[in-house]
Amino acid sequence: MSQGNPIGGSPAVEVINPDGPGVALLLCEHASCHVPDRYDGLGLRAEWRESHAAWDPGARAVALSLSQALDAPLVASRVSRLVYDCNRPPEAESSMPVFSEVVEVPGNRDLPPEQRAERIATVYRPFCDSVTALIDARRARGLPTVLITIHSFTPVFYGKRRETEIGILHDADSRMADAMLAEAGRLPGRRVERNKPYGPEDGVTHSLKIHGIAQGLPNVMIEFRNDLVADDAGVEAMARDLMTMIGPALAALGVESKGAEDA
């Protein structure tokens, strides 16, 4: 476990069910639209402060439901991705974007190195340290781990309608994605696609690479369209449908989890 960084010991990150023995370790990098006071709202126009540009609506709610179903730990950012996107490396311009689709972020323009360093130290590093600490703690307990990151996406992007409903994303390690996609036929009412609406070429697999592949853990990134999780019923239905794929996929990998047998 990381020294000096207790799990969840930062206002920038929350860790739910850290001792959960389930096979999955869930991440939600875009769980919050909160902008700490010290950033003066980033100069955002009012209509953008709770928009998809600032966070992934519905992602945290679905991740919480999956955490309960799988008895799995969940690491979630408490800070808007417009302050720092925890699914991007520090060297990426998109880690502190000046534009997110049509949304301008004046507070991110021409950031001096010391301000970039402050965000890395107070937002990104605590998130990563919490994930690493959980992986280390689980290894010490002899628990197998499959990394699952949870995201949502907009139904319209740059004016183009997206037909994908659930995206199963992967980088070089496709084990969990392949196992989930093999179960997609269980959801005839859902449009489930591989590496849609994003893929590795879009730079969205940072967490999979550093927390999954580099650690030797099977991993997958799940994206779902946010209009499908706009209310409690939608969240419940999405979590149930994801479990329909996740449960058998874990079994196929030889690592079953609490709740998987009920999927």
Protein backbone atom coordinates (compact mmCIF):
# COMPACT_ATOMS: atom_id res chain seq x y z
CA MET A 1 0.00 0.00 0.00
CA SER A 2 1.24 3.50 -0.80
CA GLN A 3 2.92 5.09 2.19
CA GLY A 4 1.39 8.35 3.40
CA ASN A 5 -1.64 8.01 1.14
CA PRO A 6 -4.41 6.16 2.97
CA ILE A 7 -7.15 4.88 0.71
CA GLY A 8 -9.57 7.74 0.10
CA GLY A 9 -7.49 10.12 2.24
CA SER A 10 -8.03 13.14 -0.02
CA PRO A 11 -10.94 15.53 -0.61
CA ALA A 12 -10.44 14.94 -4.33
CA VAL A 13 -11.34 11.24 -4.25
CA GLU A 14 -13.88 8.98 -2.59
CA VAL A 15 -13.44 5.27 -2.04
CA ILE A 16 -16.60 3.26 -1.48
CA ASN A 17 -16.58 -0.28 -0.04
CA PRO A 18 -12.74 -0.45 0.06
CA ASP A 19 -12.77 -3.87 1.76
CA GLY A 20 -15.25 -5.42 -0.65
CA PRO A 21 -13.96 -8.89 -1.56
CA GLY A 22 -15.61 -9.03 -4.98
CA VAL A 23 -13.39 -9.63 -8.00
CA ALA A 24 -14.01 -6.24 -9.65
CA LEU A 25 -12.30 -2.95 -8.84
CA LEU A 26 -14.47 -0.13 -10.20
CA LEU A 27 -13.22 3.33 -11.23
CA CYS A 28 -15.30 6.40 -12.07
CA GLU A 29 -12.93 9.15 -13.15
CA HIS A 30 -15.68 11.59 -14.19
CA ALA A 31 -18.07 11.10 -11.28
CA SER A 32 -18.44 14.76 -10.24
CA CYS A 33 -18.94 18.21 -11.75
CA HIS A 34 -17.59 19.93 -8.62
CA VAL A 35 -15.09 22.74 -9.15
CA PRO A 36 -13.29 23.63 -5.89
CA ASP A 37 -13.55 27.28 -4.87
CA ARG A 38 -9.85 27.90 -5.43
CA TYR A 39 -10.40 27.61 -9.20
CA ASP A 40 -13.05 30.37 -9.27
CA GLY A 41 -15.44 28.32 -11.39
CA LEU A 42 -12.87 28.06 -14.20
CA GLY A 43 -14.70 30.98 -15.80
CA LEU A 44 -17.36 28.57 -17.08
CA ARG A 45 -20.69 29.90 -18.32
CA ALA A 46 -23.52 28.84 -16.02
CA GLU A 47 -25.09 26.44 -18.54
CA TRP A 48 -21.88 24.43 -18.81
CA ARG A 49 -21.20 23.88 -15.10
CA GLU A 50 -23.28 20.70 -14.83
CA SER A 51 -23.10 19.64 -18.47
CA HIS A 52 -21.46 16.50 -19.81
CA ALA A 53 -18.35 18.59 -20.46
CA ALA A 54 -17.87 18.86 -16.69
CA TRP A 55 -18.62 15.21 -15.78
CA ASP A 56 -20.28 11.97 -16.90
CA PRO A 57 -23.95 12.18 -15.85
CA GLY A 58 -25.24 8.88 -14.51
CA ALA A 59 -21.81 7.22 -14.34
CA ARG A 60 -21.41 7.41 -10.56
CA ALA A 61 -24.97 6.17 -9.96
CA VAL A 62 -24.47 3.12 -12.18
CA ALA A 63 -21.02 2.50 -10.67
CA LEU A 64 -22.54 2.54 -7.19
CA SER A 65 -25.14 -0.03 -8.23
CA LEU A 66 -22.44 -2.24 -9.72
CA SER A 67 -20.34 -1.86 -6.57
CA GLN A 68 -23.25 -3.20 -4.54
CA ALA A 69 -24.05 -6.03 -6.95
CA LEU A 70 -20.41 -7.16 -7.14
CA ASP A 71 -19.45 -6.30 -3.53
CA ALA A 72 -16.60 -4.39 -5.17
CA PRO A 73 -14.55 -1.33 -4.20
CA LEU A 74 -15.25 1.86 -6.15
CA VAL A 75 -12.81 4.76 -6.60
CA ALA A 76 -14.53 7.96 -7.80
CA SER A 77 -13.20 11.44 -8.44
CA ARG A 78 -14.85 14.25 -6.48
CA VAL A 79 -13.57 16.95 -8.86
CA SER A 80 -14.74 17.95 -12.33
CA ARG A 81 -12.75 16.60 -15.22
CA LEU A 82 -12.43 20.19 -16.45
CA VAL A 83 -10.16 20.86 -13.46
CA TYR A 84 -8.22 17.67 -14.17
CA ASP A 85 -9.32 14.64 -16.18
CA CYS A 86 -8.14 11.62 -14.16
CA ASN A 87 -8.36 9.48 -17.31
CA ARG A 88 -5.58 11.49 -18.97
CA PRO A 89 -1.83 11.63 -18.28
CA PRO A 90 -0.33 14.91 -17.02
CA GLU A 91 1.46 15.56 -20.31
CA ALA A 92 -1.79 15.47 -22.33
CA GLU A 93 -3.36 18.81 -23.22
CA SER A 94 -6.76 17.18 -22.67
CA SER A 95 -5.95 16.60 -18.98
CA MET A 96 -6.81 20.29 -18.39
CA PRO A 97 -8.69 21.21 -21.57
CA VAL A 98 -9.25 24.72 -22.87
CA PHE A 99 -12.12 23.38 -25.00
CA SER A 100 -14.36 20.34 -24.51
CA GLU A 101 -16.38 19.97 -27.72
CA VAL A 102 -18.12 23.40 -27.91
CA VAL A 103 -17.48 24.31 -24.26
CA GLU A 104 -14.76 26.88 -23.59
CA VAL A 105 -12.89 26.68 -20.27
CA PRO A 106 -11.27 30.11 -19.77
CA GLY A 107 -9.73 29.08 -16.45
CA ASN A 108 -7.58 26.51 -18.25
CA ARG A 109 -6.12 28.88 -20.82
CA ASP A 110 -2.36 29.51 -20.62
CA LEU A 111 -1.97 27.75 -17.29
CA PRO A 112 1.51 28.34 -15.85
CA PRO A 113 3.53 25.23 -14.94
CA GLU A 114 3.04 25.73 -11.20
CA GLN A 115 -0.75 25.74 -11.57
CA ARG A 116 -0.69 22.61 -13.70
CA ALA A 117 1.56 20.98 -11.10
CA GLU A 118 -0.87 21.93 -8.31
CA ARG A 119 -3.76 20.20 -10.05
CA ILE A 120 -1.70 17.12 -10.78
CA ALA A 121 -0.66 16.93 -7.11
CA THR A 122 -4.09 17.58 -5.58
CA VAL A 123 -6.48 15.88 -8.03
CA TYR A 124 -4.72 13.33 -10.27
CA ARG A 125 -2.14 11.87 -7.88
CA PRO A 126 -4.61 11.23 -5.01
CA PHE A 127 -6.90 9.39 -7.43
CA CYS A 128 -4.06 7.24 -8.79
CA ASP A 129 -2.63 6.63 -5.31
CA SER A 130 -6.03 5.42 -4.09
CA VAL A 131 -6.30 2.96 -6.97
CA THR A 132 -2.75 1.70 -6.43
CA ALA A 133 -3.33 1.34 -2.69
CA LEU A 134 -6.44 -0.77 -3.29
CA ILE A 135 -4.66 -3.00 -5.79
CA ASP A 136 -1.78 -3.50 -3.37
CA ALA A 137 -4.15 -4.22 -0.48
CA ARG A 138 -6.11 -6.73 -2.53
CA ARG A 139 -2.93 -8.52 -3.59
CA ALA A 140 -1.85 -8.71 0.03
CA ARG A 141 -5.19 -10.41 0.79
CA GLY A 142 -4.81 -12.82 -2.13
CA LEU A 143 -7.81 -11.38 -3.99
CA PRO A 144 -7.90 -11.51 -7.79
CA THR A 145 -8.83 -8.21 -9.45
CA VAL A 146 -10.49 -7.21 -12.72
CA LEU A 147 -10.39 -3.44 -13.39
CA ILE A 148 -13.63 -1.91 -14.72
CA THR A 149 -13.93 1.82 -15.46
CA ILE A 150 -17.38 3.40 -15.81
CA HIS A 151 -18.27 6.32 -18.11
CA SER A 152 -21.20 7.90 -19.95
CA PHE A 153 -21.36 9.78 -23.25
CA THR A 154 -23.69 12.26 -24.93
CA PRO A 155 -26.30 11.11 -27.48
CA VAL A 156 -25.22 13.93 -29.82
CA PHE A 157 -21.60 14.96 -30.46
CA TYR A 158 -20.74 17.89 -32.74
CA GLY A 159 -24.29 17.69 -34.06
CA LYS A 160 -24.10 13.99 -34.99
CA ARG A 161 -26.44 11.46 -33.39
CA ARG A 162 -24.77 8.47 -31.76
CA GLU A 163 -26.60 5.17 -32.15
CA THR A 164 -24.35 3.18 -29.80
CA GLU A 165 -26.04 2.55 -26.45
CA ILE A 166 -23.28 0.65 -24.63
CA GLY A 167 -19.64 0.76 -25.63
CA ILE A 168 -17.18 -1.91 -24.48
CA LEU A 169 -13.71 -0.39 -24.78
CA HIS A 170 -10.26 -1.90 -24.48
CA ASP A 171 -6.63 -1.23 -25.29
CA ALA A 172 -4.01 -3.96 -25.84
CA ASP A 173 -5.65 -6.31 -23.32
CA SER A 174 -9.06 -7.31 -24.68
CA ARG A 175 -9.76 -10.29 -22.38
CA MET A 176 -12.59 -8.75 -20.36
CA ALA A 177 -14.00 -6.84 -23.34
CA ASP A 178 -14.07 -10.00 -25.46
CA ALA A 179 -15.77 -11.93 -22.66
CA MET A 180 -18.41 -9.22 -22.21
CA LEU A 181 -19.07 -8.84 -25.93
CA ALA A 182 -19.57 -12.61 -26.16
CA GLU A 183 -22.58 -12.09 -23.86
CA ALA A 184 -24.05 -9.10 -25.72
CA GLY A 185 -26.62 -11.37 -27.37
CA ARG A 186 -28.29 -11.62 -23.96
CA LEU A 187 -29.35 -7.98 -24.49
CA PRO A 188 -31.27 -7.98 -27.79
CA GLY A 189 -32.79 -4.60 -26.97
CA ARG A 190 -29.42 -2.88 -26.56
CA ARG A 191 -26.95 -1.72 -29.21
CA VAL A 192 -23.62 -2.90 -27.76
CA GLU A 193 -20.44 -2.17 -29.73
CA ARG A 194 -16.68 -2.56 -29.40
CA ASN A 195 -14.55 0.59 -28.97
CA LYS A 196 -17.49 2.93 -29.66
CA PRO A 197 -18.05 5.85 -29.43
CA TYR A 198 -14.35 6.11 -28.57
CA GLY A 199 -11.32 3.86 -28.84
CA PRO A 200 -7.64 3.74 -27.90
CA GLU A 201 -6.80 6.13 -30.74
CA ASP A 202 -8.82 8.82 -28.92
CA GLY A 203 -6.61 8.68 -25.83
CA VAL A 204 -9.36 7.40 -23.54
CA THR A 205 -7.64 4.27 -22.23
CA HIS A 206 -5.12 5.91 -19.88
CA SER A 207 -6.60 4.33 -16.74
CA LEU A 208 -6.75 0.93 -18.40
CA LYS A 209 -3.08 1.18 -19.32
CA ILE A 210 -1.63 2.41 -16.02
CA HIS A 211 -3.95 0.68 -13.54
CA GLY A 212 -4.84 -2.43 -15.56
CA ILE A 213 -2.30 -3.43 -18.21
CA ALA A 214 0.76 -2.20 -16.29
CA GLN A 215 -0.46 -4.13 -13.22
CA GLY A 216 -1.22 -7.28 -15.19
CA LEU A 217 -4.96 -7.05 -14.46
CA PRO A 218 -7.76 -7.90 -16.91
CA ASN A 219 -9.52 -4.61 -17.65
CA VAL A 220 -12.33 -2.96 -19.55
CA MET A 221 -13.87 0.48 -19.98
CA ILE A 222 -17.67 0.68 -20.15
CA GLU A 223 -19.39 3.64 -21.80
CA PHE A 224 -23.18 4.12 -21.92
CA ARG A 225 -25.28 6.86 -23.48
CA ASN A 226 -26.32 9.32 -20.81
CA ASP A 227 -29.90 9.78 -22.02
CA LEU A 228 -30.46 6.15 -21.01
CA VAL A 229 -29.55 6.85 -17.36
CA ALA A 230 -31.40 10.14 -16.87
CA ASP A 231 -33.53 8.81 -13.99
CA ASP A 232 -33.46 6.11 -11.32
CA ALA A 233 -35.27 3.61 -13.53
CA GLY A 234 -32.72 4.12 -16.29
CA VAL A 235 -29.83 3.70 -13.88
CA GLU A 236 -31.33 0.49 -12.50
CA ALA A 237 -31.96 -0.91 -15.98
CA MET A 238 -28.44 -0.06 -17.16
CA ALA A 239 -26.79 -1.61 -14.10
CA ARG A 240 -28.90 -4.75 -14.54
CA ASP A 241 -28.00 -5.03 -18.23
CA LEU A 242 -24.31 -4.49 -17.54
CA MET A 243 -24.39 -7.21 -14.90
CA THR A 244 -25.93 -9.51 -17.51
CA MET A 245 -22.62 -9.22 -19.39
CA ILE A 246 -20.19 -8.71 -16.49
CA GLY A 247 -21.24 -11.74 -14.46
CA PRO A 248 -20.76 -14.37 -17.18
CA ALA A 249 -17.63 -12.56 -18.41
CA LEU A 250 -15.99 -12.87 -15.00
CA ALA A 251 -16.92 -16.53 -14.91
CA ALA A 252 -15.43 -17.02 -18.39
CA LEU A 253 -12.18 -15.50 -17.16
CA GLY A 254 -12.23 -17.87 -14.22
CA VAL A 255 -12.85 -15.15 -11.62
CA GLU A 256 -16.44 -15.10 -10.38
CA SER A 257 -17.69 -12.43 -8.02
CA LYS A 258 -20.56 -12.01 -5.60
CA GLY A 259 -23.67 -11.25 -7.65
CA ALA A 260 -22.20 -12.74 -10.83
CA GLU A 261 -24.12 -15.99 -10.39
CA ASP A 262 -27.36 -13.99 -10.26
CA ALA A 263 -26.76 -12.12 -13.53
